[in-house]
Amino acid sequence: MIPGFPQVGGMELLILLAVVLLLFGAKRLPQLSRSLGSGIREFRKGISAVGDVEEAQDRKENPSLDGVPHGGLSRAQDEEMTRAGQQS
């Protein structure tokens, strides 16, 4: 509960649905809901893409103490490269 914010109950939702139905009509309401859903999907996809780009930039800008950025190789590949370096 948020103080000073009115609570929305079942009756208020029915009134809101009736007003939306009167404004847009029964034929246009499914189109509006579809476009709203696709807009939300695109927004979420855009937000996740921005997060992926930022994570990739963080990995490039913040290498580990030995100067090698981690996360590109699997643990097995990393161990294999370490063993190959010790043998030379």
Protein backbone atom coordinates (compact mmCIF):
# COMPACT_ATOMS: atom_id res chain seq x y z
CA MET A 1 0.00 0.00 0.00
CA ILE A 2 1.20 3.45 -0.90
CA PRO A 3 0.04 6.21 1.46
CA GLY A 4 -2.07 8.85 -0.29
CA PHE A 5 -2.58 6.64 -3.35
CA PRO A 6 -6.14 5.44 -3.90
CA GLN A 7 -6.78 1.71 -4.02
CA VAL A 8 -8.17 0.22 -7.23
CA GLY A 9 -10.86 -2.39 -6.69
CA GLY A 10 -13.07 -4.48 -8.93
CA MET A 11 -15.71 -1.79 -9.43
CA GLU A 12 -13.12 0.77 -10.52
CA LEU A 13 -11.66 -1.68 -13.03
CA LEU A 14 -15.11 -2.35 -14.51
CA ILE A 15 -15.77 1.38 -14.88
CA LEU A 16 -12.37 1.85 -16.54
CA LEU A 17 -13.04 -1.04 -18.94
CA ALA A 18 -16.46 0.43 -19.82
CA VAL A 19 -14.94 3.85 -20.56
CA VAL A 20 -12.21 2.31 -22.75
CA LEU A 21 -14.83 0.23 -24.56
CA LEU A 22 -16.96 3.32 -25.22
CA LEU A 23 -14.00 5.37 -26.44
CA PHE A 24 -12.41 2.83 -28.79
CA GLY A 25 -15.21 0.40 -29.64
CA ALA A 26 -15.37 -3.37 -29.50
CA LYS A 27 -13.75 -3.89 -32.92
CA ARG A 28 -10.68 -1.77 -32.20
CA LEU A 29 -9.99 -3.03 -28.65
CA PRO A 30 -8.21 -6.29 -29.73
CA GLN A 31 -5.99 -4.31 -32.11
CA LEU A 32 -5.05 -1.92 -29.33
CA SER A 33 -4.19 -4.74 -26.95
CA ARG A 34 -2.06 -6.47 -29.61
CA SER A 35 -0.15 -3.30 -30.38
CA LEU A 36 0.37 -2.63 -26.66
CA GLY A 37 1.71 -6.18 -26.20
CA SER A 38 4.10 -5.91 -29.14
CA GLY A 39 5.28 -2.52 -27.89
CA ILE A 40 6.05 -3.97 -24.47
CA ARG A 41 7.93 -6.88 -26.11
CA GLU A 42 10.03 -4.51 -28.23
CA PHE A 43 10.77 -2.36 -25.17
CA ARG A 44 11.97 -5.39 -23.18
CA LYS A 45 14.07 -6.58 -26.12
CA GLY A 46 15.66 -3.15 -26.41
CA ILE A 47 16.38 -2.98 -22.70
CA SER A 48 18.07 -6.41 -22.75
CA ALA A 49 20.11 -5.45 -25.83
CA VAL A 50 21.39 -2.32 -24.08
CA GLY A 51 22.35 -4.44 -21.06
CA ASP A 52 24.23 -6.92 -23.27
CA VAL A 53 26.20 -4.10 -24.92
CA GLU A 54 27.09 -2.58 -21.54
CA GLU A 55 28.26 -5.96 -20.21
CA ALA A 56 30.44 -6.49 -23.28
CA GLN A 57 31.98 -3.03 -22.84
CA ASP A 58 32.63 -3.69 -19.15
CA ARG A 59 34.49 -6.90 -20.02
CA LYS A 60 36.65 -5.05 -22.57
CA GLU A 61 37.40 -2.11 -20.27
CA ASN A 62 38.03 -4.10 -17.09
CA PRO A 63 40.56 -6.86 -17.76
CA SER A 64 41.76 -9.04 -14.90
CA LEU A 65 44.95 -8.35 -12.98
CA ASP A 66 47.04 -10.49 -15.34
CA GLY A 67 45.82 -8.44 -18.33
CA VAL A 68 43.73 -11.23 -19.84
CA PRO A 69 39.99 -10.55 -20.04
CA HIS A 70 38.07 -13.49 -18.64
CA GLY A 71 34.77 -14.88 -19.83
CA GLY A 72 35.80 -15.67 -23.41
CA LEU A 73 37.20 -19.13 -22.74
CA SER A 74 35.72 -22.05 -20.93
CA ARG A 75 37.50 -23.38 -17.88
CA ALA A 76 38.79 -26.41 -19.81
CA GLN A 77 40.21 -24.20 -22.58
CA ASP A 78 41.83 -21.93 -20.00
CA GLU A 79 43.49 -24.89 -18.23
CA GLU A 80 44.69 -26.30 -21.56
CA MET A 81 46.29 -22.98 -22.50
CA THR A 82 47.94 -22.78 -19.07
CA ARG A 83 49.39 -26.29 -19.46
CA ALA A 84 50.64 -25.47 -22.98
CA GLY A 85 52.35 -22.34 -21.64
CA GLN A 86 54.09 -24.28 -18.85
CA GLN A 87 55.46 -26.90 -21.26
CA SER A 88 57.21 -24.37 -23.52
